Protein backbone atom coordinates (compact mmCIF):
# COMPACT_ATOMS: atom_id res chain seq x y z
CA MET A 1 -85.98 133.93 -3.42
CA VAL A 2 -88.87 132.58 -1.17
CA ASP A 3 -88.18 128.96 -2.10
CA ARG A 4 -84.20 129.31 -1.93
CA ASP A 5 -84.84 131.26 1.82
CA VAL A 6 -87.42 127.85 2.22
CA ALA A 7 -84.56 125.69 0.79
CA GLN A 8 -82.08 127.66 3.46
CA ALA A 9 -84.58 126.73 6.43
CA ARG A 10 -84.85 122.75 5.30
CA ARG A 11 -80.95 122.68 5.29
CA ILE A 12 -81.09 124.34 9.07
CA LEU A 13 -83.61 122.04 10.53
CA LYS A 14 -82.31 119.03 9.35
CA GLY A 15 -79.08 119.57 11.15
CA LEU A 16 -80.85 120.52 14.59
CA GLU A 17 -81.57 117.66 16.88
CA LEU A 18 -84.85 118.53 17.41
CA PHE A 19 -85.70 117.57 13.69
CA ARG A 20 -83.50 115.36 12.70
CA SER A 21 -85.36 111.93 12.72
CA ALA A 22 -88.18 113.98 10.71
CA GLY A 23 -87.96 112.73 7.19
CA GLU A 24 -88.01 115.35 4.32
CA ARG A 25 -91.75 115.02 3.85
CA ASP A 26 -92.62 115.07 7.53
CA LEU A 27 -91.39 118.74 7.60
CA LYS A 28 -93.77 121.25 6.14
CA VAL A 29 -92.33 125.09 6.15
CA ALA A 30 -93.51 128.15 4.86
CA ARG A 31 -92.12 131.84 5.01
CA LEU A 32 -93.90 134.07 7.69
CA GLY A 33 -91.81 137.61 7.18
CA GLY A 34 -89.37 139.10 9.17
CA LEU A 35 -87.76 142.68 9.07
CA THR A 36 -84.11 142.08 9.50
CA ASN A 37 -84.59 138.19 9.82
CA LEU A 38 -86.25 134.82 8.09
CA VAL A 39 -88.91 133.90 10.06
CA PHE A 40 -90.76 130.47 8.67
CA ARG A 41 -93.79 128.10 10.35
CA VAL A 42 -92.61 124.84 10.84
CA ASP A 43 -95.32 122.01 11.38
CA HIS A 44 -94.47 118.26 11.78
CA ARG A 45 -96.85 115.79 12.28
CA ASP A 46 -99.13 117.38 15.23
CA GLN A 47 -96.27 119.77 16.73
CA HIS A 48 -95.68 123.55 14.87
CA TYR A 49 -92.42 125.77 15.50
CA VAL A 50 -91.37 128.92 14.59
CA LEU A 51 -87.51 128.86 13.59
CA ARG A 52 -86.13 132.17 13.11
CA VAL A 53 -82.80 132.59 11.56
CA PRO A 54 -80.48 135.85 11.36
CA GLY A 55 -80.49 138.71 8.97
CA LYS A 56 -77.02 139.58 7.38
CA GLY A 57 -75.43 141.86 9.12
CA THR A 58 -77.42 141.69 12.71
CA GLU A 59 -73.92 140.45 14.51
CA GLU A 60 -72.86 143.75 14.20
CA TYR A 61 -75.31 145.28 17.00
CA ILE A 62 -77.34 142.02 18.32
CA ASP A 63 -75.40 139.78 21.20
CA ARG A 64 -76.96 136.29 20.62
CA THR A 65 -75.99 135.42 24.11
CA HIS A 66 -78.17 137.99 25.72
CA GLU A 67 -80.81 137.36 23.68
CA ALA A 68 -81.48 133.64 24.19
CA GLN A 69 -81.01 134.02 27.99
CA ALA A 70 -83.56 136.74 27.24
CA ALA A 71 -86.15 134.62 25.54
CA ARG A 72 -85.70 131.90 27.76
CA GLU A 73 -86.46 133.99 30.73
CA ALA A 74 -89.72 135.67 29.33
CA ALA A 75 -90.67 132.13 28.47
CA ARG A 76 -90.49 131.08 32.23
CA VAL A 77 -92.22 134.10 33.14
CA GLN A 78 -94.88 132.91 30.13
CA VAL A 79 -94.99 135.93 28.50
CA SER A 80 -93.17 134.34 25.19
CA PRO A 81 -93.42 131.20 23.69
CA ALA A 82 -91.15 128.43 24.73
CA VAL A 83 -87.71 127.97 23.64
CA LEU A 84 -86.46 124.89 22.06
CA HIS A 85 -83.05 125.49 20.34
CA ALA A 86 -81.19 128.62 20.29
CA ASP A 87 -77.96 128.75 19.64
CA PRO A 88 -75.68 132.26 20.27
CA ALA A 89 -73.37 131.22 17.66
CA THR A 90 -75.47 131.06 14.65
CA GLY A 91 -78.46 132.89 15.95
CA VAL A 92 -80.86 130.38 14.87
CA MET A 93 -83.74 129.88 16.97
CA VAL A 94 -86.99 127.83 17.19
CA THR A 95 -89.91 128.26 19.54
CA ARG A 96 -93.38 126.98 19.90
CA LEU A 97 -96.10 128.55 17.73
CA VAL A 98 -98.81 130.39 19.83
CA GLU A 99 -102.06 128.69 18.36
CA ASN A 100 -104.69 130.36 17.06
CA ALA A 101 -102.78 133.63 17.09
CA VAL A 102 -103.02 136.76 14.95
CA THR A 103 -99.48 138.94 14.65
CA MET A 104 -100.84 142.16 15.48
CA SER A 105 -100.26 145.29 13.60
CA GLY A 106 -100.95 149.15 13.80
CA GLN A 107 -104.06 148.99 11.88
CA GLY A 108 -105.21 145.64 14.29
CA PHE A 109 -104.52 147.28 17.22
CA GLN A 110 -106.98 150.21 16.07
CA ALA A 111 -109.15 147.95 14.96
CA ILE A 112 -109.37 144.99 17.18
CA PRO A 113 -111.39 145.45 20.26
CA GLY A 114 -109.15 145.33 23.92
CA ALA A 115 -106.32 145.09 21.97
CA PRO A 116 -103.96 148.14 23.99
CA GLY A 117 -105.85 147.15 27.04
CA ARG A 118 -104.42 143.36 26.63
CA ALA A 119 -100.59 144.91 25.28
CA GLY A 120 -100.57 147.40 28.41
CA ALA A 121 -101.42 144.09 31.03
CA LEU A 122 -98.97 142.20 29.20
CA LEU A 123 -96.30 144.18 29.52
CA ARG A 124 -97.20 144.69 33.53
CA LYS A 125 -96.74 141.03 33.64
CA LEU A 126 -93.18 141.03 32.07
CA HIS A 127 -92.46 144.11 34.11
CA THR A 128 -93.48 142.85 37.34
CA SER A 129 -92.15 139.07 37.00
CA ASP A 130 -88.93 138.38 38.32
CA ALA A 131 -87.55 137.91 35.06
CA ALA A 132 -84.00 139.52 34.91
CA PHE A 133 -81.87 139.85 31.71
CA THR A 134 -78.04 139.93 31.34
CA PHE A 135 -78.20 142.70 29.02
CA ARG A 136 -78.63 146.94 30.07
CA PHE A 137 -80.68 148.63 27.57
CA GLU A 138 -79.05 152.31 27.84
CA LEU A 139 -80.49 154.38 25.78
CA PHE A 140 -77.60 156.97 24.92
CA ALA A 141 -75.23 154.65 25.16
CA MET A 142 -76.86 152.70 23.00
CA VAL A 143 -77.28 155.91 20.28
CA ASP A 144 -73.41 156.54 20.70
CA GLU A 145 -73.03 152.31 19.74
CA TYR A 146 -74.99 152.80 16.66
CA LEU A 147 -73.55 155.62 15.36
CA LYS A 148 -69.85 154.17 15.87
CA VAL A 149 -71.42 151.45 13.60
CA LEU A 150 -72.60 153.67 11.04
CA ALA A 151 -69.02 155.67 11.11
CA GLY A 152 -67.86 152.50 9.42
CA LYS A 153 -70.19 152.56 6.76
CA ASP A 154 -71.08 154.38 3.64
CA THR A 155 -74.04 156.38 4.58
CA ARG A 156 -74.77 159.80 6.16
CA LEU A 157 -77.00 161.10 8.95
CA PRO A 158 -80.29 163.21 8.35
CA THR A 159 -79.30 166.85 8.26
CA GLY A 160 -79.53 167.68 12.23
CA TYR A 161 -79.38 164.89 13.98
CA HIS A 162 -76.44 165.43 16.30
CA ASP A 163 -78.09 169.00 17.19
CA VAL A 164 -81.15 167.15 18.66
CA VAL A 165 -79.28 164.67 20.59
CA LYS A 166 -77.78 167.99 21.98
CA GLU A 167 -81.12 169.36 22.63
CA SER A 168 -82.31 165.60 24.14
CA GLY A 169 -79.82 166.92 26.96
CA PRO A 170 -82.87 167.92 29.32
CA VAL A 171 -84.53 164.92 28.58
CA ARG A 172 -82.25 162.84 29.82
CA ALA A 173 -81.24 165.12 32.69
CA ALA A 174 -85.13 164.66 34.05
CA LEU A 175 -84.95 161.11 33.61
CA ASP A 176 -81.75 160.90 35.25
CA ALA A 177 -82.75 163.24 37.90
CA HIS A 178 -85.78 160.46 38.73
CA ALA A 179 -85.01 157.12 37.65
CA ARG A 180 -87.44 154.39 38.02
CA PRO A 181 -85.61 150.76 39.31
CA GLN A 182 -84.53 149.19 35.52
CA VAL A 183 -87.08 145.97 35.15
CA ALA A 184 -86.84 143.40 32.22
CA CYS A 185 -87.88 145.33 29.60
CA HIS A 186 -88.76 144.09 25.48
CA CYS A 187 -87.72 147.18 24.36
CA ASP A 188 -88.46 146.42 20.88
CA PRO A 189 -91.97 146.52 20.97
CA LEU A 190 -93.41 146.75 17.19
CA CYS A 191 -96.70 145.38 16.74
CA GLU A 192 -95.91 142.75 14.65
CA ASN A 193 -93.87 141.21 17.97
CA PHE A 194 -97.34 140.90 19.85
CA LEU A 195 -99.40 137.79 19.57
CA ASP A 196 -102.67 138.31 20.38
CA THR A 197 -105.07 135.07 20.77
CA GLY A 198 -108.28 137.40 22.22
CA ASP A 199 -108.08 136.34 25.69
CA ARG A 200 -104.23 137.56 25.98
CA MET A 201 -101.07 138.29 24.36
CA TRP A 202 -97.91 137.13 24.05
CA LEU A 203 -94.87 138.90 22.92
CA VAL A 204 -91.72 137.19 20.91
CA ASP A 205 -88.46 138.83 19.31
CA TRP A 206 -86.05 139.43 22.36
CA GLU A 207 -82.91 140.52 20.12
CA TYR A 208 -83.17 144.02 21.68
CA SER A 209 -84.85 143.20 24.95
CA GLY A 210 -82.70 144.43 28.27
CA MET A 211 -83.21 146.08 31.63
CA ASN A 212 -84.53 149.04 31.25
CA ASP A 213 -86.95 152.17 32.75
CA PRO A 214 -90.75 150.02 31.97
CA LEU A 215 -92.05 153.54 30.84
CA TRP A 216 -89.96 152.62 27.26
CA ASP A 217 -91.87 149.39 26.35
CA LEU A 218 -94.76 151.57 26.47
CA GLY A 219 -94.17 154.59 24.89
CA ASP A 220 -92.19 152.72 21.99
CA LEU A 221 -95.77 150.66 21.07
CA SER A 222 -97.32 153.79 21.30
CA VAL A 223 -95.26 155.32 18.29
CA GLU A 224 -95.08 151.89 16.51
CA GLY A 225 -98.72 151.39 16.63
CA GLY A 226 -100.02 155.19 15.76
CA PHE A 227 -101.76 154.98 19.17
CA GLY A 228 -103.72 158.08 19.45
CA GLU A 229 -105.14 159.15 23.11
CA ALA A 230 -107.84 157.04 23.41
CA GLN A 231 -105.83 153.76 22.57
CA ASP A 232 -102.91 155.39 25.11
CA GLU A 233 -105.29 156.02 27.81
CA GLU A 234 -106.92 152.16 27.59
CA MET A 235 -102.91 150.98 27.24
CA LEU A 236 -101.90 152.95 30.38
CA ARG A 237 -104.76 152.18 32.49
CA ALA A 238 -104.78 148.64 31.98
CA TYR A 239 -101.15 148.42 33.11
CA PHE A 240 -101.31 150.66 36.12
CA GLY A 241 -104.81 149.74 36.98
CA GLY A 242 -106.26 153.00 37.19
CA GLU A 243 -105.18 156.32 35.98
CA ALA A 244 -101.81 157.50 34.99
CA GLN A 245 -99.56 159.77 37.37
CA PRO A 246 -98.52 162.43 35.40
CA ALA A 247 -94.89 161.50 35.99
CA ASP A 248 -95.33 158.19 34.41
CA ARG A 249 -97.69 159.70 31.98
CA GLY A 250 -94.46 162.08 31.32
CA ARG A 251 -92.33 159.32 30.37
CA MET A 252 -94.29 157.58 28.12
CA VAL A 253 -94.46 160.87 25.87
CA ILE A 254 -90.85 161.35 26.66
CA TYR A 255 -89.90 157.72 25.50
CA LYS A 256 -92.19 158.06 22.43
CA ALA A 257 -89.56 160.84 21.27
CA MET A 258 -86.51 159.34 21.81
CA CYS A 259 -87.61 155.88 20.52
CA ASP A 260 -87.49 157.59 17.32
CA LEU A 261 -84.42 159.31 18.03
CA LEU A 262 -82.41 155.46 18.27
CA TRP A 263 -84.41 153.68 15.55
CA THR A 264 -83.77 156.44 13.32
CA LEU A 265 -80.39 154.85 13.69
CA TRP A 266 -81.14 151.42 12.99
CA GLY A 267 -83.14 152.20 9.92
CA LEU A 268 -79.71 154.04 8.74
CA ILE A 269 -78.01 150.94 9.68
CA GLN A 270 -80.45 148.63 7.91
CA HIS A 271 -79.99 150.76 4.63
CA ALA A 272 -76.16 150.89 4.84
CA ASN A 273 -76.63 147.01 4.88
CA GLY A 274 -78.42 146.85 1.97
CA ASN A 275 -81.43 144.97 3.68
CA PRO A 276 -83.94 144.68 0.72
CA VAL A 277 -87.13 144.27 2.93
CA ASP A 278 -88.11 148.11 3.33
CA ASP A 279 -86.64 151.55 2.09
CA PHE A 280 -85.03 152.04 5.09
CA TRP A 281 -83.55 155.61 4.24
CA ALA A 282 -87.06 156.55 3.89
CA TYR A 283 -87.72 155.23 7.39
CA ALA A 284 -85.40 156.95 9.07
CA LEU A 285 -86.01 159.98 7.97
CA ARG A 286 -89.98 159.51 9.03
CA ARG A 287 -88.88 158.49 12.26
CA PHE A 288 -85.90 161.69 12.70
CA GLU A 289 -88.84 164.15 11.25
CA ARG A 290 -91.39 162.56 13.91
CA CYS A 291 -88.90 162.81 16.74
CA LYS A 292 -88.08 166.44 15.63
CA GLN A 293 -92.20 167.71 15.95
CA LEU A 294 -93.05 165.61 18.92
CA MET A 295 -89.99 167.84 21.07
CA ALA A 296 -91.30 171.08 19.29
CA MET A 297 -94.88 170.23 20.78
CA PRO A 298 -95.78 172.47 23.93
CA GLU A 299 -96.71 169.54 25.44
CA PHE A 300 -93.79 168.12 25.70
CA HIS A 301 -91.85 170.22 27.53
CA ARG A 302 -94.54 170.18 29.94
CA HIS A 303 -94.17 166.49 30.37
CA VAL A 304 -90.59 167.13 30.51
CA HIS A 305 -91.42 169.33 33.75
CA ALA A 306 -93.45 166.23 34.96
CA VAL A 307 -90.95 164.17 34.93
CA ARG A 308 -88.34 166.54 36.21
CA SER A 309 -90.74 167.46 39.27
CA ASP A 310 -91.26 163.92 40.18
């Protein structure tokens, strides 16, 4: 399978102007990974690139025009590597490789000193930049859109999913009552989307990015990285330059639950599409159970109150 993927990558590269003059032996191609896409490292003499090939079915829920615009904006404000090729029609993208960078993971965020703080600083750099994305990331509209996608597929929702959506009504009301100015956000801050050089971090993969409440990115990263109290505090202090206000901390915690509510549906779409990378049914159930557990905690309701009282 890997050899076939690499062969596909080589065929795509030969069709791009950037590599048209390169000989077959001049290009070194190695698979890097990816959950829904195929990602490759490409070496051409002393130049190093990353090729992203979109995965099957991603056209159902990813707007590649929005993604390309966001990736270029993020590169312009120096939070993401330079975009050298982006074709919205095919979804193929080529960016510069970030040299000497570690692809982060949950374990990396736990083990590498200063990593949560560097991520917080990077998110602050993005959110306070003049970057503007064409897409608006609307949480509950996306829940509805994903439910529509799933309605046409042979799969089922976890028991009680619609009940939890109804229970999130007060959460939505609290967020809407004191809406924050929307800024350019990554919106899908998986640990693996952070590249750490030790001095700073970079962000990649702008498929879900859009104008959004900036606290979404912090809450989502905390969930994805399995952050404990110490990691949350380090990230928040780096982001705010000091102690976070109760309403800001409350929004972050609220979004921990809400991102699980949304990404449960994303996992079900992957399951329905037959994505072989992971057991996405189990993934969706884990996220849904975590969402319910967090929303049931007394502390969660105190955070909702803090947001509502802001």
